[in-house]
Amino acid sequence: AFTALLGYDRADIQGRALSSIGPGNVTTQLDARLRAT
């Protein structure tokens, strides 16, 4: 469903950084919210 949403083949996207198709600060935001608990 994820590959269908974006039109990629799985082999082309799996193993890539999320920042190559989306924002570069997702892990930073998640880490900051987790540490704020």
PDB file of all heavy atoms in Angstrom:
ATOM      1  N   ALA A   1       0.834  -1.207   0.000  1.00  0.00           N
ATOM      2  CA  ALA A   1       0.000   0.000   0.000  1.00  0.00           C
ATOM      3  C   ALA A   1       0.864   1.250   0.000  1.00  0.00           C
ATOM      4  O   ALA A   1       0.515   2.265  -0.609  1.00  0.00           O
ATOM      5  CB  ALA A   1      -0.925   0.001   1.217  1.00  0.00           C
ATOM      6  N   PHE A   2       2.016   1.187   0.673  1.00  0.00           N
ATOM      7  CA  PHE A   2       2.933   2.335   0.705  1.00  0.00           C
ATOM      8  C   PHE A   2       3.540   2.578  -0.672  1.00  0.00           C
ATOM      9  O   PHE A   2       3.591   3.721  -1.154  1.00  0.00           O
ATOM     10  CB  PHE A   2       4.032   2.091   1.745  1.00  0.00           C
ATOM     11  CG  PHE A   2       4.944   3.260   1.958  1.00  0.00           C
ATOM     12  CD1 PHE A   2       4.605   4.291   2.814  1.00  0.00           C
ATOM     13  CD2 PHE A   2       6.165   3.355   1.291  1.00  0.00           C
ATOM     14  CE1 PHE A   2       5.441   5.378   3.008  1.00  0.00           C
ATOM     15  CE2 PHE A   2       7.015   4.426   1.478  1.00  0.00           C
ATOM     16  CZ  PHE A   2       6.644   5.441   2.342  1.00  0.00           C
ATOM     17  N   THR A   3       4.012   1.498  -1.325  1.00  0.00           N
ATOM     18  CA  THR A   3       4.609   1.671  -2.655  1.00  0.00           C
ATOM     19  C   THR A   3       3.557   2.101  -3.673  1.00  0.00           C
ATOM     20  O   THR A   3       3.836   2.876  -4.582  1.00  0.00           O
ATOM     21  CB  THR A   3       5.285   0.369  -3.110  1.00  0.00           C
ATOM     22  OG1 THR A   3       4.311  -0.691  -3.126  1.00  0.00           O
ATOM     23  CG2 THR A   3       6.420  -0.014  -2.183  1.00  0.00           C
ATOM     24  N   ALA A   4       2.306   1.599  -3.509  1.00  0.00           N
ATOM     25  CA  ALA A   4       1.243   2.005  -4.431  1.00  0.00           C
ATOM     26  C   ALA A   4       0.927   3.487  -4.273  1.00  0.00           C
ATOM     27  O   ALA A   4       0.638   4.183  -5.251  1.00  0.00           O
ATOM     28  CB  ALA A   4      -0.013   1.162  -4.185  1.00  0.00           C
ATOM     29  N   LEU A   5       0.961   3.981  -3.036  1.00  0.00           N
ATOM     30  CA  LEU A   5       0.687   5.398  -2.784  1.00  0.00           C
ATOM     31  C   LEU A   5       1.684   6.296  -3.493  1.00  0.00           C
ATOM     32  O   LEU A   5       1.321   7.331  -4.058  1.00  0.00           O
ATOM     33  CB  LEU A   5       0.718   5.668  -1.280  1.00  0.00           C
ATOM     34  CG  LEU A   5       0.556   7.133  -0.840  1.00  0.00           C
ATOM     35  CD1 LEU A   5      -0.831   7.647  -1.185  1.00  0.00           C
ATOM     36  CD2 LEU A   5       0.826   7.270   0.654  1.00  0.00           C
ATOM     37  N   LEU A   6       2.955   5.885  -3.489  1.00  0.00           N
ATOM     38  CA  LEU A   6       4.007   6.752  -4.039  1.00  0.00           C
ATOM     39  C   LEU A   6       4.461   6.356  -5.436  1.00  0.00           C
ATOM     40  O   LEU A   6       5.189   7.124  -6.086  1.00  0.00           O
ATOM     41  CB  LEU A   6       5.211   6.752  -3.098  1.00  0.00           C
ATOM     42  CG  LEU A   6       4.919   7.227  -1.671  1.00  0.00           C
ATOM     43  CD1 LEU A   6       6.208   7.228  -0.842  1.00  0.00           C
ATOM     44  CD2 LEU A   6       4.294   8.602  -1.666  1.00  0.00           C
ATOM     45  N   GLY A   7       4.083   5.153  -5.898  1.00  0.00           N
ATOM     46  CA  GLY A   7       4.431   4.749  -7.266  1.00  0.00           C
ATOM     47  C   GLY A   7       5.807   4.144  -7.420  1.00  0.00           C
ATOM     48  O   GLY A   7       6.252   3.942  -8.549  1.00  0.00           O
ATOM     49  N   TYR A   8       6.492   3.842  -6.329  1.00  0.00           N
ATOM     50  CA  TYR A   8       7.832   3.250  -6.404  1.00  0.00           C
ATOM     51  C   TYR A   8       7.738   1.723  -6.411  1.00  0.00           C
ATOM     52  O   TYR A   8       6.774   1.139  -5.906  1.00  0.00           O
ATOM     53  CB  TYR A   8       8.676   3.650  -5.187  1.00  0.00           C
ATOM     54  CG  TYR A   8       9.105   5.106  -5.168  1.00  0.00           C
ATOM     55  CD1 TYR A   8       8.390   6.049  -4.435  1.00  0.00           C
ATOM     56  CD2 TYR A   8      10.223   5.528  -5.872  1.00  0.00           C
ATOM     57  CE1 TYR A   8       8.779   7.377  -4.392  1.00  0.00           C
ATOM     58  CE2 TYR A   8      10.626   6.850  -5.835  1.00  0.00           C
ATOM     59  CZ  TYR A   8       9.897   7.769  -5.097  1.00  0.00           C
ATOM     60  OH  TYR A   8      10.295   9.074  -5.064  1.00  0.00           O
ATOM     61  N   ASP A   9       8.798   1.048  -6.956  1.00  0.00           N
ATOM     62  CA  ASP A   9       9.004  -0.370  -6.711  1.00  0.00           C
ATOM     63  C   ASP A   9       9.653  -0.516  -5.349  1.00  0.00           C
ATOM     64  O   ASP A   9      10.439   0.337  -4.921  1.00  0.00           O
ATOM     65  CB  ASP A   9       9.911  -0.983  -7.783  1.00  0.00           C
ATOM     66  CG  ASP A   9       9.220  -1.027  -9.140  1.00  0.00           C
ATOM     67  OD1 ASP A   9       7.977  -1.119  -9.165  1.00  0.00           O
ATOM     68  OD2 ASP A   9       9.937  -0.944 -10.161  1.00  0.00           O
ATOM     69  N   ARG A  10       9.340  -1.608  -4.689  1.00  0.00           N
ATOM     70  CA  ARG A  10       9.869  -1.792  -3.341  1.00  0.00           C
ATOM     71  C   ARG A  10      11.390  -1.780  -3.324  1.00  0.00           C
ATOM     72  O   ARG A  10      12.017  -1.195  -2.437  1.00  0.00           O
ATOM     73  CB  ARG A  10       9.354  -3.109  -2.753  1.00  0.00           C
ATOM     74  CG  ARG A  10       9.778  -3.323  -1.317  1.00  0.00           C
ATOM     75  CD  ARG A  10       9.140  -4.548  -0.720  1.00  0.00           C
ATOM     76  NE  ARG A  10       7.692  -4.513  -0.897  1.00  0.00           N
ATOM     77  CZ  ARG A  10       6.860  -5.311  -0.261  1.00  0.00           C
ATOM     78  NH1 ARG A  10       7.310  -6.199   0.596  1.00  0.00           N
ATOM     79  NH2 ARG A  10       5.569  -5.228  -0.477  1.00  0.00           N
ATOM     80  N   ALA A  11      12.002  -2.407  -4.312  1.00  0.00           N
ATOM     81  CA  ALA A  11      13.460  -2.478  -4.330  1.00  0.00           C
ATOM     82  C   ALA A  11      14.104  -1.106  -4.486  1.00  0.00           C
ATOM     83  O   ALA A  11      15.249  -0.899  -4.077  1.00  0.00           O
ATOM     84  CB  ALA A  11      13.921  -3.400  -5.460  1.00  0.00           C
ATOM     85  N   ASP A  12      13.353  -0.173  -5.086  1.00  0.00           N
ATOM     86  CA  ASP A  12      13.898   1.169  -5.308  1.00  0.00           C
ATOM     87  C   ASP A  12      13.815   2.053  -4.081  1.00  0.00           C
ATOM     88  O   ASP A  12      14.544   3.045  -3.978  1.00  0.00           O
ATOM     89  CB  ASP A  12      13.144   1.861  -6.455  1.00  0.00           C
ATOM     90  CG  ASP A  12      13.386   1.189  -7.792  1.00  0.00           C
ATOM     91  OD1 ASP A  12      14.473   0.588  -7.946  1.00  0.00           O
ATOM     92  OD2 ASP A  12      12.496   1.243  -8.659  1.00  0.00           O
ATOM     93  N   ILE A  13      12.917   1.727  -3.158  1.00  0.00           N
ATOM     94  CA  ILE A  13      12.710   2.626  -2.026  1.00  0.00           C
ATOM     95  C   ILE A  13      13.183   2.042  -0.703  1.00  0.00           C
ATOM     96  O   ILE A  13      13.610   2.755   0.194  1.00  0.00           O
ATOM     97  CB  ILE A  13      11.218   3.027  -1.947  1.00  0.00           C
ATOM     98  CG1 ILE A  13      11.044   4.252  -1.070  1.00  0.00           C
ATOM     99  CG2 ILE A  13      10.359   1.872  -1.459  1.00  0.00           C
ATOM    100  CD1 ILE A  13       9.667   4.848  -1.124  1.00  0.00           C
ATOM    101  N   GLN A  14      13.098   0.709  -0.576  1.00  0.00           N
ATOM    102  CA  GLN A  14      13.527   0.079   0.666  1.00  0.00           C
ATOM    103  C   GLN A  14      15.046   0.171   0.786  1.00  0.00           C
ATOM    104  O   GLN A  14      15.777  -0.161  -0.151  1.00  0.00           O
ATOM    105  CB  GLN A  14      13.073  -1.385   0.681  1.00  0.00           C
ATOM    106  CG  GLN A  14      13.030  -2.015   2.047  1.00  0.00           C
ATOM    107  CD  GLN A  14      12.167  -3.256   2.064  1.00  0.00           C
ATOM    108  OE1 GLN A  14      10.979  -3.174   2.294  1.00  0.00           O
ATOM    109  NE2 GLN A  14      12.771  -4.411   1.787  1.00  0.00           N
ATOM    110  N   GLY A  15      15.502   0.621   1.903  1.00  0.00           N
ATOM    111  CA  GLY A  15      16.929   0.848   2.099  1.00  0.00           C
ATOM    112  C   GLY A  15      17.351   2.295   1.902  1.00  0.00           C
ATOM    113  O   GLY A  15      18.481   2.663   2.221  1.00  0.00           O
ATOM    114  N   ARG A  16      16.440   3.135   1.375  1.00  0.00           N
ATOM    115  CA  ARG A  16      16.733   4.564   1.203  1.00  0.00           C
ATOM    116  C   ARG A  16      16.371   5.323   2.470  1.00  0.00           C
ATOM    117  O   ARG A  16      15.577   4.860   3.296  1.00  0.00           O
ATOM    118  CB  ARG A  16      15.933   5.136   0.034  1.00  0.00           C
ATOM    119  CG  ARG A  16      16.405   4.671  -1.319  1.00  0.00           C
ATOM    120  CD  ARG A  16      15.463   5.110  -2.425  1.00  0.00           C
ATOM    121  NE  ARG A  16      15.209   6.551  -2.445  1.00  0.00           N
ATOM    122  CZ  ARG A  16      14.504   7.164  -3.394  1.00  0.00           C
ATOM    123  NH1 ARG A  16      13.977   6.443  -4.376  1.00  0.00           N
ATOM    124  NH2 ARG A  16      14.330   8.453  -3.329  1.00  0.00           N
ATOM    125  N   ALA A  17      16.951   6.495   2.609  1.00  0.00           N
ATOM    126  CA  ALA A  17      16.599   7.353   3.738  1.00  0.00           C
ATOM    127  C   ALA A  17      15.207   7.937   3.519  1.00  0.00           C
ATOM    128  O   ALA A  17      14.843   8.310   2.398  1.00  0.00           O
ATOM    129  CB  ALA A  17      17.615   8.470   3.892  1.00  0.00           C
ATOM    130  N   LEU A  18      14.416   7.996   4.595  1.00  0.00           N
ATOM    131  CA  LEU A  18      13.091   8.600   4.488  1.00  0.00           C
ATOM    132  C   LEU A  18      13.184  10.035   3.999  1.00  0.00           C
ATOM    133  O   LEU A  18      12.302  10.532   3.283  1.00  0.00           O
ATOM    134  CB  LEU A  18      12.379   8.548   5.847  1.00  0.00           C
ATOM    135  CG  LEU A  18      11.005   9.206   5.925  1.00  0.00           C
ATOM    136  CD1 LEU A  18      10.028   8.540   4.962  1.00  0.00           C
ATOM    137  CD2 LEU A  18      10.466   9.173   7.344  1.00  0.00           C
ATOM    138  N   SER A  19      14.283  10.712   4.332  1.00  0.00           N
ATOM    139  CA  SER A  19      14.449  12.112   3.931  1.00  0.00           C
ATOM    140  C   SER A  19      14.548  12.278   2.422  1.00  0.00           C
ATOM    141  O   SER A  19      14.371  13.383   1.912  1.00  0.00           O
ATOM    142  CB  SER A  19      15.700  12.701   4.599  1.00  0.00           C
ATOM    143  OG  SER A  19      16.858  11.976   4.220  1.00  0.00           O
ATOM    144  N   SER A  20      14.826  11.175   1.679  1.00  0.00           N
ATOM    145  CA  SER A  20      14.930  11.287   0.220  1.00  0.00           C
ATOM    146  C   SER A  20      13.567  11.449  -0.426  1.00  0.00           C
ATOM    147  O   SER A  20      13.465  11.878  -1.573  1.00  0.00           O
ATOM    148  CB  SER A  20      15.636  10.062  -0.354  1.00  0.00           C
ATOM    149  OG  SER A  20      14.846   8.888  -0.161  1.00  0.00           O
ATOM    150  N   ILE A  21      12.502  11.088   0.295  1.00  0.00           N
ATOM    151  CA  ILE A  21      11.150  11.257  -0.246  1.00  0.00           C
ATOM    152  C   ILE A  21      10.265  12.071   0.692  1.00  0.00           C
ATOM    153  O   ILE A  21       9.089  12.288   0.412  1.00  0.00           O
ATOM    154  CB  ILE A  21      10.478   9.896  -0.502  1.00  0.00           C
ATOM    155  CG1 ILE A  21      10.382   9.099   0.793  1.00  0.00           C
ATOM    156  CG2 ILE A  21      11.208   9.123  -1.594  1.00  0.00           C
ATOM    157  CD1 ILE A  21       9.507   7.875   0.682  1.00  0.00           C
ATOM    158  N   GLY A  22      10.811  12.477   1.827  1.00  0.00           N
ATOM    159  CA  GLY A  22      10.020  13.223   2.796  1.00  0.00           C
ATOM    160  C   GLY A  22      10.906  14.155   3.597  1.00  0.00           C
ATOM    161  O   GLY A  22      12.037  14.450   3.206  1.00  0.00           O
ATOM    162  N   PRO A  23      10.409  14.623   4.729  1.00  0.00           N
ATOM    163  CA  PRO A  23      11.190  15.567   5.537  1.00  0.00           C
ATOM    164  C   PRO A  23      12.421  14.895   6.152  1.00  0.00           C
ATOM    165  O   PRO A  23      12.440  13.685   6.394  1.00  0.00           O
ATOM    166  CB  PRO A  23      10.195  16.014   6.607  1.00  0.00           C
ATOM    167  CG  PRO A  23       9.238  14.878   6.723  1.00  0.00           C
ATOM    168  CD  PRO A  23       9.106  14.306   5.346  1.00  0.00           C
ATOM    169  N   GLY A  24      13.432  15.685   6.429  1.00  0.00           N
ATOM    170  CA  GLY A  24      14.671  15.142   6.970  1.00  0.00           C
ATOM    171  C   GLY A  24      14.725  15.111   8.479  1.00  0.00           C
ATOM    172  O   GLY A  24      15.724  14.643   9.046  1.00  0.00           O
ATOM    173  N   ASN A  25      13.659  15.580   9.148  1.00  0.00           N
ATOM    174  CA  ASN A  25      13.733  15.692  10.603  1.00  0.00           C
ATOM    175  C   ASN A  25      12.726  14.812  11.324  1.00  0.00           C
ATOM    176  O   ASN A  25      12.378  15.064  12.471  1.00  0.00           O
ATOM    177  CB  ASN A  25      13.515  17.150  11.024  1.00  0.00           C
ATOM    178  CG  ASN A  25      12.130  17.658  10.617  1.00  0.00           C
ATOM    179  OD1 ASN A  25      11.437  17.016   9.830  1.00  0.00           O
ATOM    180  ND2 ASN A  25      11.750  18.803  11.145  1.00  0.00           N
ATOM    181  N   VAL A  26      12.222  13.748  10.661  1.00  0.00           N
ATOM    182  CA  VAL A  26      11.234  12.886  11.302  1.00  0.00           C
ATOM    183  C   VAL A  26      11.814  12.213  12.535  1.00  0.00           C
ATOM    184  O   VAL A  26      11.224  12.228  13.622  1.00  0.00           O
ATOM    185  CB  VAL A  26      10.700  11.843  10.309  1.00  0.00           C
ATOM    186  CG1 VAL A  26       9.895  10.772  11.052  1.00  0.00           C
ATOM    187  CG2 VAL A  26       9.823  12.512   9.252  1.00  0.00           C
ATOM    188  N   THR A  27      12.996  11.610  12.417  1.00  0.00           N
ATOM    189  CA  THR A  27      13.597  10.932  13.569  1.00  0.00           C
ATOM    190  C   THR A  27      13.931  11.932  14.666  1.00  0.00           C
ATOM    191  O   THR A  27      13.811  11.627  15.856  1.00  0.00           O
ATOM    192  CB  THR A  27      14.851  10.170  13.145  1.00  0.00           C
ATOM    193  OG1 THR A  27      15.762  11.057  12.470  1.00  0.00           O
ATOM    194  CG2 THR A  27      14.506   9.020  12.214  1.00  0.00           C
ATOM    195  N   THR A  28      14.340  13.130  14.288  1.00  0.00           N
ATOM    196  CA  THR A  28      14.649  14.164  15.281  1.00  0.00           C
ATOM    197  C   THR A  28      13.391  14.537  16.066  1.00  0.00           C
ATOM    198  O   THR A  28      13.422  14.663  17.291  1.00  0.00           O
ATOM    199  CB  THR A  28      15.211  15.420  14.587  1.00  0.00           C
ATOM    200  OG1 THR A  28      16.375  15.056  13.836  1.00  0.00           O
ATOM    201  CG2 THR A  28      15.583  16.478  15.602  1.00  0.00           C
ATOM    202  N   GLN A  29      12.269  14.702  15.350  1.00  0.00           N
ATOM    203  CA  GLN A  29      11.016  15.046  16.026  1.00  0.00           C
ATOM    204  C   GLN A  29      10.538  13.923  16.937  1.00  0.00           C
ATOM    205  O   GLN A  29      10.118  14.170  18.076  1.00  0.00           O
ATOM    206  CB  GLN A  29       9.928  15.349  14.984  1.00  0.00           C
ATOM    207  CG  GLN A  29      10.151  16.629  14.188  1.00  0.00           C
ATOM    208  CD  GLN A  29       8.955  16.947  13.313  1.00  0.00           C
ATOM    209  OE1 GLN A  29       7.884  17.270  13.806  1.00  0.00           O
ATOM    210  NE2 GLN A  29       9.136  16.846  12.006  1.00  0.00           N
ATOM    211  N   LEU A  30      10.618  12.679  16.441  1.00  0.00           N
ATOM    212  CA  LEU A  30      10.184  11.547  17.260  1.00  0.00           C
ATOM    213  C   LEU A  30      11.053  11.410  18.499  1.00  0.00           C
ATOM    214  O   LEU A  30      10.548  11.195  19.611  1.00  0.00           O
ATOM    215  CB  LEU A  30      10.232  10.261  16.439  1.00  0.00           C
ATOM    216  CG  LEU A  30       9.215  10.146  15.302  1.00  0.00           C
ATOM    217  CD1 LEU A  30       9.456   8.856  14.516  1.00  0.00           C
ATOM    218  CD2 LEU A  30       7.797  10.176  15.825  1.00  0.00           C
ATOM    219  N   ASP A  31      12.379  11.536  18.324  1.00  0.00           N
ATOM    220  CA  ASP A  31      13.294  11.407  19.449  1.00  0.00           C
ATOM    221  C   ASP A  31      13.026  12.497  20.489  1.00  0.00           C
ATOM    222  O   ASP A  31      13.005  12.232  21.696  1.00  0.00           O
ATOM    223  CB  ASP A  31      14.739  11.497  18.950  1.00  0.00           C
ATOM    224  CG  ASP A  31      15.746  11.181  20.046  1.00  0.00           C
ATOM    225  OD1 ASP A  31      15.704  10.055  20.572  1.00  0.00           O
ATOM    226  OD2 ASP A  31      16.542  12.082  20.384  1.00  0.00           O
ATOM    227  N   ALA A  32      12.759  13.737  20.017  1.00  0.00           N
ATOM    228  CA  ALA A  32      12.509  14.841  20.940  1.00  0.00           C
ATOM    229  C   ALA A  32      11.221  14.612  21.722  1.00  0.00           C
ATOM    230  O   ALA A  32      11.150  14.876  22.926  1.00  0.00           O
ATOM    231  CB  ALA A  32      12.429  16.155  20.168  1.00  0.00           C
ATOM    232  N   ARG A  33      10.208  14.089  21.058  1.00  0.00           N
ATOM    233  CA  ARG A  33       8.942  13.853  21.751  1.00  0.00           C
ATOM    234  C   ARG A  33       9.064  12.702  22.744  1.00  0.00           C
ATOM    235  O   ARG A  33       8.473  12.743  23.827  1.00  0.00           O
ATOM    236  CB  ARG A  33       7.835  13.562  20.732  1.00  0.00           C
ATOM    237  CG  ARG A  33       7.502  14.761  19.862  1.00  0.00           C
ATOM    238  CD  ARG A  33       6.297  14.505  19.003  1.00  0.00           C
ATOM    239  NE  ARG A  33       6.032  15.633  18.100  1.00  0.00           N
ATOM    240  CZ  ARG A  33       4.977  15.725  17.310  1.00  0.00           C
ATOM    241  NH1 ARG A  33       4.069  14.762  17.318  1.00  0.00           N
ATOM    242  NH2 ARG A  33       4.817  16.765  16.528  1.00  0.00           N
ATOM    243  N   LEU A  34       9.827  11.689  22.383  1.00  0.00           N
ATOM    244  CA  LEU A  34      10.019  10.573  23.310  1.00  0.00           C
ATOM    245  C   LEU A  34      10.785  11.016  24.543  1.00  0.00           C
ATOM    246  O   LEU A  34      10.476  10.629  25.672  1.00  0.00           O
ATOM    247  CB  LEU A  34      10.765   9.435  22.601  1.00  0.00           C
ATOM    248  CG  LEU A  34       9.954   8.681  21.541  1.00  0.00           C
ATOM    249  CD1 LEU A  34      10.870   7.812  20.701  1.00  0.00           C
ATOM    250  CD2 LEU A  34       8.870   7.843  22.199  1.00  0.00           C
ATOM    251  N   ARG A  35      11.817  11.808  24.357  1.00  0.00           N
ATOM    252  CA  ARG A  35      12.623  12.267  25.487  1.00  0.00           C
ATOM    253  C   ARG A  35      11.856  13.263  26.357  1.00  0.00           C
ATOM    254  O   ARG A  35      12.216  13.486  27.515  1.00  0.00           O
ATOM    255  CB  ARG A  35      13.924  12.925  24.987  1.00  0.00           C
ATOM    256  CG  ARG A  35      14.885  11.923  24.348  1.00  0.00           C
ATOM    257  CD  ARG A  35      16.132  12.619  23.836  1.00  0.00           C
ATOM    258  NE  ARG A  35      17.055  11.698  23.204  1.00  0.00           N
ATOM    259  CZ  ARG A  35      17.964  10.965  23.872  1.00  0.00           C
ATOM    260  NH1 ARG A  35      18.067  11.080  25.192  1.00  0.00           N
ATOM    261  NH2 ARG A  35      18.770  10.149  23.227  1.00  0.00           N
ATOM    262  N   ALA A  36      10.799  13.859  25.814  1.00  0.00           N
ATOM    263  CA  ALA A  36      10.025  14.830  26.593  1.00  0.00           C
ATOM    264  C   ALA A  36       9.092  14.148  27.586  1.00  0.00           C
ATOM    265  O   ALA A  36       8.521  14.795  28.453  1.00  0.00           O
ATOM    266  CB  ALA A  36       9.206  15.724  25.656  1.00  0.00           C
ATOM    267  N   THR A  37       8.960  12.820  27.481  1.00  0.00           N
ATOM    268  CA  THR A  37       8.086  12.095  28.399  1.00  0.00           C
ATOM    269  C   THR A  37       8.700  12.079  29.780  1.00  0.00           C
ATOM    270  O   THR A  37       9.796  11.586  29.981  1.00  0.00           O
ATOM    271  CB  THR A  37       7.882  10.655  27.905  1.00  0.00           C
ATOM    272  OG1 THR A  37       7.376  10.678  26.579  1.00  0.00           O
ATOM    273  CG2 THR A  37       6.917   9.917  28.812  1.00  0.00           C
TER     274      THR A  37
END
